[in-house]
């Protein structure tokens, strides 16, 4: 099992919520390049708001057509299946700035936001446990 940070806009995250977090829009090349697998954990980072909102698990990494009921800002034709493990109320979303400074994946990066452009970002076990510790408080 691997862990990842994904980046979503506030609007797209709302769309995921409307669909009970059962799907995550993803491009085929991203899935192939990153090798996201079943049972992998996904920490959702909401861009512009700069907070973590939820933790999901990949339940089926087979790319399927994105259901027509989605209204993502960014166009995705395909998605994978996920399930929600921890969904924080918006007032409890976790500020990411201090977290990023302590993650191995972001060490020696002067501008973590540039690394986020290449999301999903694979996390090592220490980074995954560190982020999970913040979610465990709720």
N, C-alpha and C. Protein backbone atom coordinates (compact mmCIF):
# COMPACT_ATOMS: atom_id res chain seq x y z
N UNK A 1 0.84 -1.19 0.00
CA UNK A 1 0.00 0.00 0.00
C UNK A 1 0.88 1.24 0.00
N UNK A 2 0.55 2.16 -0.88
CA UNK A 2 1.26 3.43 -0.95
C UNK A 2 0.32 4.54 -0.51
N UNK A 3 0.89 5.69 -0.27
CA UNK A 3 0.10 6.87 0.10
C UNK A 3 0.46 8.01 -0.83
N UNK A 4 -0.55 8.84 -1.10
CA UNK A 4 -0.42 9.91 -2.07
C UNK A 4 -1.06 11.19 -1.56
N UNK A 5 -0.55 12.31 -2.01
CA UNK A 5 -1.26 13.59 -1.90
C UNK A 5 -1.83 13.89 -3.27
N UNK A 6 -3.13 14.12 -3.32
CA UNK A 6 -3.73 14.61 -4.56
C UNK A 6 -4.12 16.06 -4.33
N UNK A 7 -4.23 16.80 -5.40
CA UNK A 7 -4.61 18.21 -5.34
C UNK A 7 -5.92 18.37 -6.08
N UNK A 8 -6.88 18.98 -5.40
CA UNK A 8 -8.17 19.25 -6.02
C UNK A 8 -8.57 20.69 -5.75
N UNK A 9 -9.33 21.24 -6.68
CA UNK A 9 -9.93 22.55 -6.42
C UNK A 9 -11.07 22.35 -5.44
N UNK A 10 -11.47 23.43 -4.82
CA UNK A 10 -12.60 23.39 -3.89
C UNK A 10 -13.84 22.88 -4.62
N UNK A 11 -14.07 23.37 -5.82
CA UNK A 11 -15.23 22.97 -6.61
C UNK A 11 -15.21 21.46 -6.90
N UNK A 12 -14.08 20.95 -7.35
CA UNK A 12 -14.00 19.53 -7.68
C UNK A 12 -14.16 18.65 -6.45
N UNK A 13 -13.63 19.12 -5.34
CA UNK A 13 -13.79 18.35 -4.10
C UNK A 13 -15.26 18.29 -3.71
N UNK A 14 -15.98 19.40 -3.90
CA UNK A 14 -17.43 19.42 -3.63
C UNK A 14 -18.15 18.41 -4.52
N UNK A 15 -17.72 18.31 -5.77
CA UNK A 15 -18.31 17.33 -6.68
C UNK A 15 -18.07 15.91 -6.17
N UNK A 16 -16.85 15.65 -5.70
CA UNK A 16 -16.55 14.33 -5.13
C UNK A 16 -17.46 14.05 -3.94
N UNK A 17 -17.64 15.05 -3.10
CA UNK A 17 -18.50 14.90 -1.92
C UNK A 17 -19.94 14.58 -2.32
N UNK A 18 -20.45 15.28 -3.33
CA UNK A 18 -21.82 15.01 -3.82
C UNK A 18 -21.98 13.57 -4.27
N UNK A 19 -20.88 12.99 -4.71
CA UNK A 19 -20.90 11.60 -5.19
C UNK A 19 -20.34 10.64 -4.14
N UNK A 20 -20.41 11.06 -2.89
CA UNK A 20 -20.01 10.22 -1.74
C UNK A 20 -18.58 9.71 -1.82
N UNK A 21 -17.74 10.45 -2.53
CA UNK A 21 -16.32 10.11 -2.66
C UNK A 21 -16.11 8.72 -3.28
N UNK A 22 -17.07 8.29 -4.06
CA UNK A 22 -16.98 6.98 -4.70
C UNK A 22 -16.10 6.98 -5.95
N UNK A 23 -15.78 8.17 -6.44
CA UNK A 23 -14.98 8.30 -7.66
C UNK A 23 -13.97 9.42 -7.49
N UNK A 24 -12.88 9.30 -8.23
CA UNK A 24 -11.88 10.36 -8.28
C UNK A 24 -11.45 10.52 -9.73
N UNK A 25 -11.72 11.70 -10.30
CA UNK A 25 -11.32 11.97 -11.68
C UNK A 25 -9.81 11.87 -11.81
N UNK A 26 -9.38 11.14 -12.83
CA UNK A 26 -7.95 10.90 -13.02
C UNK A 26 -7.68 10.63 -14.50
N UNK A 27 -6.61 11.20 -14.98
CA UNK A 27 -6.20 10.96 -16.36
C UNK A 27 -5.45 9.63 -16.46
N UNK A 28 -5.62 8.96 -17.58
CA UNK A 28 -4.98 7.67 -17.80
C UNK A 28 -3.47 7.74 -17.63
N UNK A 29 -2.84 8.77 -18.19
CA UNK A 29 -1.39 8.88 -18.10
C UNK A 29 -0.91 9.02 -16.65
N UNK A 30 -1.69 9.71 -15.84
CA UNK A 30 -1.33 9.86 -14.42
C UNK A 30 -1.36 8.51 -13.73
N UNK A 31 -2.41 7.75 -13.98
CA UNK A 31 -2.53 6.43 -13.36
C UNK A 31 -1.37 5.53 -13.78
N UNK A 32 -1.03 5.54 -15.05
CA UNK A 32 0.06 4.70 -15.54
C UNK A 32 1.41 5.16 -15.02
N UNK A 33 1.63 6.46 -15.05
CA UNK A 33 2.92 7.01 -14.63
C UNK A 33 3.17 6.84 -13.13
N UNK A 34 2.14 7.08 -12.35
CA UNK A 34 2.29 7.04 -10.89
C UNK A 34 2.07 5.66 -10.29
N UNK A 35 1.44 4.77 -11.04
CA UNK A 35 1.18 3.41 -10.57
C UNK A 35 0.35 3.39 -9.28
N UNK A 36 -0.77 4.07 -9.32
CA UNK A 36 -1.70 4.07 -8.19
C UNK A 36 -2.43 2.74 -8.18
N UNK A 37 -2.45 2.10 -7.01
CA UNK A 37 -2.98 0.74 -6.91
C UNK A 37 -4.15 0.66 -5.93
N UNK A 38 -4.87 -0.47 -6.01
CA UNK A 38 -5.94 -0.72 -5.04
C UNK A 38 -5.36 -0.71 -3.63
N UNK A 39 -6.14 -0.18 -2.71
CA UNK A 39 -5.80 -0.08 -1.28
C UNK A 39 -4.86 1.08 -0.97
N UNK A 40 -4.36 1.80 -1.99
CA UNK A 40 -3.53 2.98 -1.73
C UNK A 40 -4.35 4.04 -1.00
N UNK A 41 -3.68 4.80 -0.15
CA UNK A 41 -4.33 5.91 0.56
C UNK A 41 -4.12 7.21 -0.20
N UNK A 42 -5.14 8.05 -0.15
CA UNK A 42 -5.08 9.35 -0.82
C UNK A 42 -5.44 10.43 0.19
N UNK A 43 -4.52 11.38 0.39
CA UNK A 43 -4.79 12.55 1.21
C UNK A 43 -5.14 13.69 0.26
N UNK A 44 -6.31 14.28 0.44
CA UNK A 44 -6.77 15.33 -0.46
C UNK A 44 -6.36 16.70 0.05
N UNK A 45 -5.60 17.39 -0.79
CA UNK A 45 -5.18 18.77 -0.54
C UNK A 45 -6.02 19.68 -1.42
N UNK A 46 -6.68 20.66 -0.81
CA UNK A 46 -7.54 21.57 -1.55
C UNK A 46 -6.72 22.82 -1.89
N UNK A 47 -6.52 23.01 -3.20
CA UNK A 47 -5.70 24.14 -3.65
C UNK A 47 -6.37 25.46 -3.31
N UNK A 48 -5.60 26.51 -3.30
CA UNK A 48 -6.00 27.88 -2.95
C UNK A 48 -6.40 28.00 -1.50
N UNK A 49 -7.16 27.04 -0.98
CA UNK A 49 -7.49 27.05 0.45
C UNK A 49 -6.30 26.54 1.25
N UNK A 50 -5.49 25.69 0.60
CA UNK A 50 -4.24 25.17 1.16
C UNK A 50 -4.46 24.37 2.45
N UNK A 51 -5.43 23.47 2.38
CA UNK A 51 -5.73 22.61 3.53
C UNK A 51 -6.02 21.19 3.06
N UNK A 52 -5.79 20.25 3.98
CA UNK A 52 -6.17 18.86 3.76
C UNK A 52 -7.59 18.66 4.25
N UNK A 53 -8.38 17.96 3.45
CA UNK A 53 -9.80 17.82 3.77
C UNK A 53 -10.25 16.40 4.08
N UNK A 54 -9.58 15.41 3.50
CA UNK A 54 -10.08 14.05 3.68
C UNK A 54 -9.01 13.03 3.35
N UNK A 55 -9.31 11.80 3.72
CA UNK A 55 -8.47 10.64 3.39
C UNK A 55 -9.37 9.62 2.69
N UNK A 56 -8.87 9.10 1.58
CA UNK A 56 -9.63 8.11 0.81
C UNK A 56 -8.77 6.88 0.57
N UNK A 57 -9.43 5.82 0.20
CA UNK A 57 -8.74 4.59 -0.20
C UNK A 57 -9.17 4.24 -1.62
N UNK A 58 -8.21 3.83 -2.42
CA UNK A 58 -8.53 3.37 -3.77
C UNK A 58 -9.15 1.99 -3.65
N UNK A 59 -10.37 1.84 -4.16
CA UNK A 59 -11.05 0.54 -4.11
C UNK A 59 -10.95 -0.21 -5.42
N UNK A 60 -10.77 0.53 -6.52
CA UNK A 60 -10.59 -0.10 -7.82
C UNK A 60 -9.85 0.88 -8.72
N UNK A 61 -8.63 0.52 -9.09
CA UNK A 61 -7.81 1.43 -9.89
C UNK A 61 -8.03 1.25 -11.40
N UNK A 62 -9.05 0.50 -11.77
CA UNK A 62 -9.39 0.36 -13.17
C UNK A 62 -10.05 1.65 -13.65
N UNK A 63 -9.50 2.25 -14.69
CA UNK A 63 -10.09 3.47 -15.22
C UNK A 63 -11.44 3.18 -15.84
N UNK A 64 -12.43 3.97 -15.45
CA UNK A 64 -13.77 3.86 -16.01
C UNK A 64 -14.20 5.26 -16.44
N UNK A 65 -15.21 5.35 -17.30
CA UNK A 65 -15.70 6.68 -17.67
C UNK A 65 -16.24 7.43 -16.45
N UNK A 66 -15.92 8.70 -16.38
CA UNK A 66 -16.45 9.53 -15.30
C UNK A 66 -17.96 9.65 -15.48
N UNK A 67 -18.73 9.39 -14.41
CA UNK A 67 -20.19 9.50 -14.54
C UNK A 67 -20.61 10.89 -15.04
N UNK A 68 -21.64 10.92 -15.85
CA UNK A 68 -22.14 12.17 -16.45
C UNK A 68 -22.63 13.16 -15.41
N UNK A 69 -22.90 12.70 -14.20
CA UNK A 69 -23.42 13.58 -13.16
C UNK A 69 -22.36 14.49 -12.56
N UNK A 70 -21.09 14.25 -12.89
CA UNK A 70 -20.01 15.11 -12.40
C UNK A 70 -19.95 16.41 -13.19
N UNK A 71 -19.59 17.47 -12.48
CA UNK A 71 -19.42 18.78 -13.11
C UNK A 71 -18.08 19.37 -12.65
N UNK A 72 -16.99 18.65 -12.92
CA UNK A 72 -15.67 19.13 -12.55
C UNK A 72 -15.32 20.40 -13.33
N UNK A 73 -14.52 21.26 -12.68
CA UNK A 73 -13.97 22.43 -13.39
C UNK A 73 -12.96 21.99 -14.43
N UNK A 74 -12.07 21.11 -14.02
CA UNK A 74 -11.07 20.55 -14.93
C UNK A 74 -11.68 19.31 -15.56
N UNK A 75 -11.50 19.16 -16.83
CA UNK A 75 -12.16 18.07 -17.54
C UNK A 75 -11.41 16.76 -17.33
N UNK A 76 -12.13 15.80 -16.81
CA UNK A 76 -11.65 14.42 -16.70
C UNK A 76 -12.65 13.54 -17.42
N UNK A 77 -12.16 12.66 -18.28
CA UNK A 77 -13.03 11.72 -18.95
C UNK A 77 -13.12 10.41 -18.19
N UNK A 78 -12.10 10.17 -17.35
CA UNK A 78 -12.02 8.89 -16.65
C UNK A 78 -11.84 9.09 -15.16
N UNK A 79 -12.07 8.01 -14.42
CA UNK A 79 -11.93 8.07 -12.97
C UNK A 79 -11.59 6.69 -12.44
N UNK A 80 -11.21 6.66 -11.18
CA UNK A 80 -11.04 5.41 -10.44
C UNK A 80 -12.05 5.42 -9.31
N UNK A 81 -12.25 4.26 -8.72
CA UNK A 81 -13.20 4.17 -7.60
C UNK A 81 -12.45 4.31 -6.28
N UNK A 82 -13.08 5.04 -5.38
CA UNK A 82 -12.49 5.27 -4.05
C UNK A 82 -13.58 5.16 -2.99
N UNK A 83 -13.14 5.12 -1.75
CA UNK A 83 -14.08 5.23 -0.63
C UNK A 83 -13.47 6.18 0.38
N UNK A 84 -14.33 6.86 1.09
CA UNK A 84 -13.88 7.83 2.09
C UNK A 84 -13.51 7.10 3.38
N UNK A 85 -12.38 7.45 3.94
CA UNK A 85 -11.97 6.91 5.24
C UNK A 85 -12.16 7.93 6.35
N UNK A 86 -11.88 9.20 6.01
CA UNK A 86 -12.05 10.29 6.99
C UNK A 86 -12.37 11.55 6.21
N UNK A 87 -13.52 12.11 6.49
CA UNK A 87 -13.97 13.33 5.85
C UNK A 87 -14.17 14.39 6.93
N UNK A 88 -13.32 15.37 6.95
CA UNK A 88 -13.41 16.40 7.98
C UNK A 88 -14.44 17.46 7.60
N UNK A 89 -15.14 17.97 8.61
CA UNK A 89 -15.98 19.14 8.39
C UNK A 89 -15.07 20.27 7.96
N UNK A 90 -15.58 21.13 7.13
CA UNK A 90 -14.74 22.17 6.53
C UNK A 90 -14.02 23.03 7.58
N UNK A 91 -14.67 23.30 8.68
CA UNK A 91 -14.02 24.13 9.71
C UNK A 91 -12.85 23.41 10.38
N UNK A 92 -12.74 22.10 10.16
CA UNK A 92 -11.64 21.32 10.74
C UNK A 92 -10.57 20.94 9.72
N UNK A 93 -10.70 21.42 8.50
CA UNK A 93 -9.69 21.11 7.50
C UNK A 93 -8.31 21.51 8.03
N UNK A 94 -7.32 20.76 7.68
CA UNK A 94 -5.99 20.89 8.28
C UNK A 94 -5.09 21.77 7.42
N UNK A 95 -4.61 22.89 8.00
CA UNK A 95 -3.69 23.75 7.23
C UNK A 95 -2.44 22.96 6.82
N UNK A 96 -2.07 23.12 5.57
CA UNK A 96 -1.00 22.29 5.01
C UNK A 96 0.39 22.90 5.15
N UNK A 97 0.48 24.18 5.31
CA UNK A 97 1.79 24.83 5.28
C UNK A 97 2.80 24.21 6.23
N UNK A 98 2.44 24.07 7.49
CA UNK A 98 3.37 23.50 8.47
C UNK A 98 3.64 22.02 8.20
N UNK A 99 2.65 21.34 7.67
CA UNK A 99 2.83 19.92 7.34
C UNK A 99 3.86 19.77 6.23
N UNK A 100 3.71 20.55 5.17
CA UNK A 100 4.62 20.45 4.04
C UNK A 100 6.08 20.64 4.47
N UNK A 101 6.32 21.55 5.38
CA UNK A 101 7.68 21.84 5.81
C UNK A 101 8.35 20.66 6.50
N UNK A 102 7.54 19.72 7.00
CA UNK A 102 8.08 18.58 7.74
C UNK A 102 8.08 17.27 6.95
N UNK A 103 7.56 17.29 5.76
CA UNK A 103 7.49 16.06 4.96
C UNK A 103 8.79 15.82 4.19
N UNK A 104 9.22 14.57 4.18
CA UNK A 104 10.41 14.19 3.41
C UNK A 104 10.23 14.53 1.93
N UNK A 105 9.03 14.35 1.42
CA UNK A 105 8.76 14.62 0.01
C UNK A 105 9.00 16.08 -0.36
N UNK A 106 8.94 16.97 0.62
CA UNK A 106 9.08 18.40 0.36
C UNK A 106 10.38 18.98 0.90
N UNK A 107 11.20 18.16 1.52
CA UNK A 107 12.47 18.66 2.07
C UNK A 107 13.33 19.23 0.97
N UNK A 108 13.99 20.31 1.30
CA UNK A 108 14.88 21.00 0.37
C UNK A 108 14.16 21.60 -0.83
N UNK A 109 12.85 21.72 -0.74
CA UNK A 109 12.07 22.37 -1.79
C UNK A 109 11.72 23.77 -1.31
N UNK A 110 12.20 24.77 -2.01
CA UNK A 110 11.95 26.15 -1.59
C UNK A 110 10.49 26.54 -1.79
N UNK A 111 9.86 25.96 -2.80
CA UNK A 111 8.46 26.28 -3.10
C UNK A 111 7.66 24.99 -3.25
N UNK A 112 7.10 24.49 -2.14
CA UNK A 112 6.34 23.24 -2.20
C UNK A 112 5.21 23.28 -3.23
N UNK A 113 4.66 24.45 -3.46
CA UNK A 113 3.55 24.54 -4.41
C UNK A 113 3.95 24.09 -5.81
N UNK A 114 5.22 24.29 -6.16
CA UNK A 114 5.67 23.83 -7.47
C UNK A 114 5.66 22.31 -7.56
N UNK A 115 6.00 21.65 -6.46
CA UNK A 115 5.96 20.19 -6.42
C UNK A 115 4.52 19.69 -6.56
N UNK A 116 3.59 20.44 -6.02
CA UNK A 116 2.19 20.05 -6.08
C UNK A 116 1.65 20.04 -7.52
N UNK A 117 2.30 20.77 -8.40
CA UNK A 117 1.89 20.75 -9.80
C UNK A 117 2.06 19.37 -10.42
N UNK A 118 2.91 18.55 -9.81
CA UNK A 118 3.15 17.19 -10.31
C UNK A 118 2.35 16.13 -9.56
N UNK A 119 1.33 16.56 -8.83
CA UNK A 119 0.51 15.61 -8.06
C UNK A 119 -0.16 14.63 -9.01
N UNK A 120 -0.44 13.44 -8.50
CA UNK A 120 -0.28 12.97 -7.13
C UNK A 120 1.18 12.80 -6.74
N UNK A 121 1.43 13.06 -5.47
CA UNK A 121 2.78 12.97 -4.93
C UNK A 121 2.84 11.77 -4.00
N UNK A 122 3.77 10.89 -4.31
CA UNK A 122 3.94 9.68 -3.51
C UNK A 122 4.62 10.03 -2.19
N UNK A 123 4.11 9.46 -1.11
CA UNK A 123 4.66 9.70 0.22
C UNK A 123 5.35 8.46 0.74
N UNK A 124 6.41 8.67 1.50
CA UNK A 124 7.00 7.52 2.18
C UNK A 124 6.17 7.25 3.44
N UNK A 125 6.48 6.18 4.12
CA UNK A 125 5.69 5.76 5.28
C UNK A 125 5.69 6.80 6.39
N UNK A 126 6.83 7.42 6.64
CA UNK A 126 6.91 8.45 7.68
C UNK A 126 6.00 9.63 7.36
N UNK A 127 6.03 10.08 6.10
CA UNK A 127 5.18 11.21 5.69
C UNK A 127 3.71 10.84 5.81
N UNK A 128 3.38 9.64 5.38
CA UNK A 128 1.99 9.19 5.46
C UNK A 128 1.51 9.16 6.91
N UNK A 129 2.31 8.59 7.78
CA UNK A 129 1.95 8.52 9.19
C UNK A 129 1.84 9.91 9.81
N UNK A 130 2.70 10.81 9.39
CA UNK A 130 2.68 12.18 9.92
C UNK A 130 1.37 12.87 9.55
N UNK A 131 0.98 12.79 8.28
CA UNK A 131 -0.27 13.43 7.88
C UNK A 131 -1.45 12.73 8.55
N UNK A 132 -1.41 11.41 8.59
CA UNK A 132 -2.50 10.66 9.22
C UNK A 132 -2.67 11.05 10.69
N UNK A 133 -1.60 11.39 11.36
CA UNK A 133 -1.70 11.78 12.77
C UNK A 133 -2.57 13.00 12.97
N UNK A 134 -2.60 13.90 12.00
CA UNK A 134 -3.47 15.08 12.10
C UNK A 134 -4.94 14.68 11.93
N UNK A 135 -5.20 13.75 11.03
CA UNK A 135 -6.58 13.28 10.83
C UNK A 135 -7.06 12.48 12.03
N UNK A 136 -6.14 11.80 12.71
CA UNK A 136 -6.52 10.99 13.87
C UNK A 136 -7.00 11.83 15.04
N UNK A 137 -6.75 13.11 15.01
CA UNK A 137 -7.21 14.00 16.08
C UNK A 137 -8.70 14.25 16.02
N UNK A 138 -9.32 13.87 14.91
CA UNK A 138 -10.75 14.13 14.74
C UNK A 138 -11.55 12.84 14.72
